[in-house]
Amino acid sequence: MSDTESLIRKIKALPPERVDEVEDFVDFIAEREQNRSLTRAATALSEASFAAVWNNPDDDVYDAV
């Protein structure tokens, strides 16, 4: 039995009010993952913009810290 099938079987065994809680939790996890994905994408896009600011001769002394 796959992990998904096992999870579905467990959810089906719950009373309806608990299924609602599981659904809320799954929605929460999905939203959190989407937010993290957006944050990673924004960070990756901004790296090139900040490269000129971060990598300059005046600040090379801080690279050794």
C-alpha atoms as a PDB file:
ATOM      1  CA  MET A   1       0.000   0.000   0.000  1.00  0.00           C
ATOM      2  CA  SER A   2       1.392   3.423  -0.926  1.00  0.00           C
ATOM      3  CA  ASP A   3       1.773   6.242   1.571  1.00  0.00           C
ATOM      4  CA  THR A   4      -1.066   8.111  -0.138  1.00  0.00           C
ATOM      5  CA  GLU A   5      -3.423   5.159   0.078  1.00  0.00           C
ATOM      6  CA  SER A   6      -2.560   4.661   3.726  1.00  0.00           C
ATOM      7  CA  LEU A   7      -3.221   8.319   4.477  1.00  0.00           C
ATOM      8  CA  ILE A   8      -6.544   8.270   2.628  1.00  0.00           C
ATOM      9  CA  ARG A   9      -7.579   5.146   4.547  1.00  0.00           C
ATOM     10  CA  LYS A  10      -6.759   6.852   7.851  1.00  0.00           C
ATOM     11  CA  ILE A  11      -8.648  10.005   6.891  1.00  0.00           C
ATOM     12  CA  LYS A  12     -11.705   8.003   5.876  1.00  0.00           C
ATOM     13  CA  ALA A  13     -11.712   6.375   9.324  1.00  0.00           C
ATOM     14  CA  LEU A  14     -11.963   9.741  11.078  1.00  0.00           C
ATOM     15  CA  PRO A  15     -15.223  11.346  12.190  1.00  0.00           C
ATOM     16  CA  PRO A  16     -16.360  14.186   9.875  1.00  0.00           C
ATOM     17  CA  GLU A  17     -15.324  16.996  12.213  1.00  0.00           C
ATOM     18  CA  ARG A  18     -11.784  15.595  12.340  1.00  0.00           C
ATOM     19  CA  VAL A  19     -11.682  15.364   8.539  1.00  0.00           C
ATOM     20  CA  ASP A  20     -12.395  19.110   8.490  1.00  0.00           C
ATOM     21  CA  GLU A  21      -9.416  19.662  10.782  1.00  0.00           C
ATOM     22  CA  VAL A  22      -7.190  17.557   8.532  1.00  0.00           C
ATOM     23  CA  GLU A  23      -8.332  19.548   5.507  1.00  0.00           C
ATOM     24  CA  ASP A  24      -7.565  22.835   7.289  1.00  0.00           C
ATOM     25  CA  PHE A  25      -4.117  21.568   8.207  1.00  0.00           C
ATOM     26  CA  VAL A  26      -3.387  20.408   4.656  1.00  0.00           C
ATOM     27  CA  ASP A  27      -4.478  23.837   3.370  1.00  0.00           C
ATOM     28  CA  PHE A  28      -2.147  25.470   5.898  1.00  0.00           C
ATOM     29  CA  ILE A  29       0.805  23.330   4.802  1.00  0.00           C
ATOM     30  CA  ALA A  30       0.096  23.997   1.112  1.00  0.00           C
ATOM     31  CA  GLU A  31      -0.099  27.754   1.696  1.00  0.00           C
ATOM     32  CA  ARG A  32       3.120  27.741   3.717  1.00  0.00           C
ATOM     33  CA  GLU A  33       4.907  25.826   0.957  1.00  0.00           C
ATOM     34  CA  GLN A  34       3.633  28.254  -1.665  1.00  0.00           C
ATOM     35  CA  ASN A  35       4.878  31.199   0.425  1.00  0.00           C
ATOM     36  CA  ARG A  36       8.282  29.578   0.800  1.00  0.00           C
ATOM     37  CA  SER A  37       8.464  28.953  -2.940  1.00  0.00           C
ATOM     38  CA  LEU A  38       7.634  32.588  -3.632  1.00  0.00           C
ATOM     39  CA  THR A  39      10.262  33.732  -1.152  1.00  0.00           C
ATOM     40  CA  ARG A  40      12.916  31.506  -2.751  1.00  0.00           C
ATOM     41  CA  ALA A  41      11.992  32.778  -6.217  1.00  0.00           C
ATOM     42  CA  ALA A  42      12.131  36.423  -5.108  1.00  0.00           C
ATOM     43  CA  THR A  43      15.485  35.835  -3.444  1.00  0.00           C
ATOM     44  CA  ALA A  44      16.909  34.235  -6.581  1.00  0.00           C
ATOM     45  CA  LEU A  45      15.649  37.102  -8.736  1.00  0.00           C
ATOM     46  CA  SER A  46      17.112  39.763  -6.459  1.00  0.00           C
ATOM     47  CA  GLU A  47      20.583  38.208  -6.203  1.00  0.00           C
ATOM     48  CA  ALA A  48      21.688  39.630  -9.552  1.00  0.00           C
ATOM     49  CA  SER A  49      20.466  43.105  -8.579  1.00  0.00           C
ATOM     50  CA  PHE A  50      22.378  43.058  -5.317  1.00  0.00           C
ATOM     51  CA  ALA A  51      25.545  41.498  -6.736  1.00  0.00           C
ATOM     52  CA  ALA A  52      26.968  44.891  -7.709  1.00  0.00           C
ATOM     53  CA  VAL A  53      26.269  46.219  -4.226  1.00  0.00           C
ATOM     54  CA  TRP A  54      27.646  43.190  -2.392  1.00  0.00           C
ATOM     55  CA  ASN A  55      30.677  42.556  -4.595  1.00  0.00           C
ATOM     56  CA  ASN A  56      32.738  45.724  -4.721  1.00  0.00           C
ATOM     57  CA  PRO A  57      36.352  46.589  -3.839  1.00  0.00           C
ATOM     58  CA  ASP A  58      35.357  48.890  -0.969  1.00  0.00           C
ATOM     59  CA  ASP A  59      33.722  46.016   0.875  1.00  0.00           C
ATOM     60  CA  ASP A  60      36.356  43.336   0.159  1.00  0.00           C
ATOM     61  CA  VAL A  61      37.724  43.783   3.677  1.00  0.00           C
ATOM     62  CA  TYR A  62      34.465  42.292   5.025  1.00  0.00           C
ATOM     63  CA  ASP A  63      34.955  39.100   2.999  1.00  0.00           C
ATOM     64  CA  ALA A  64      37.669  38.033   5.440  1.00  0.00           C
ATOM     65  CA  VAL A  65      35.458  38.469   8.493  1.00  0.00           C
END
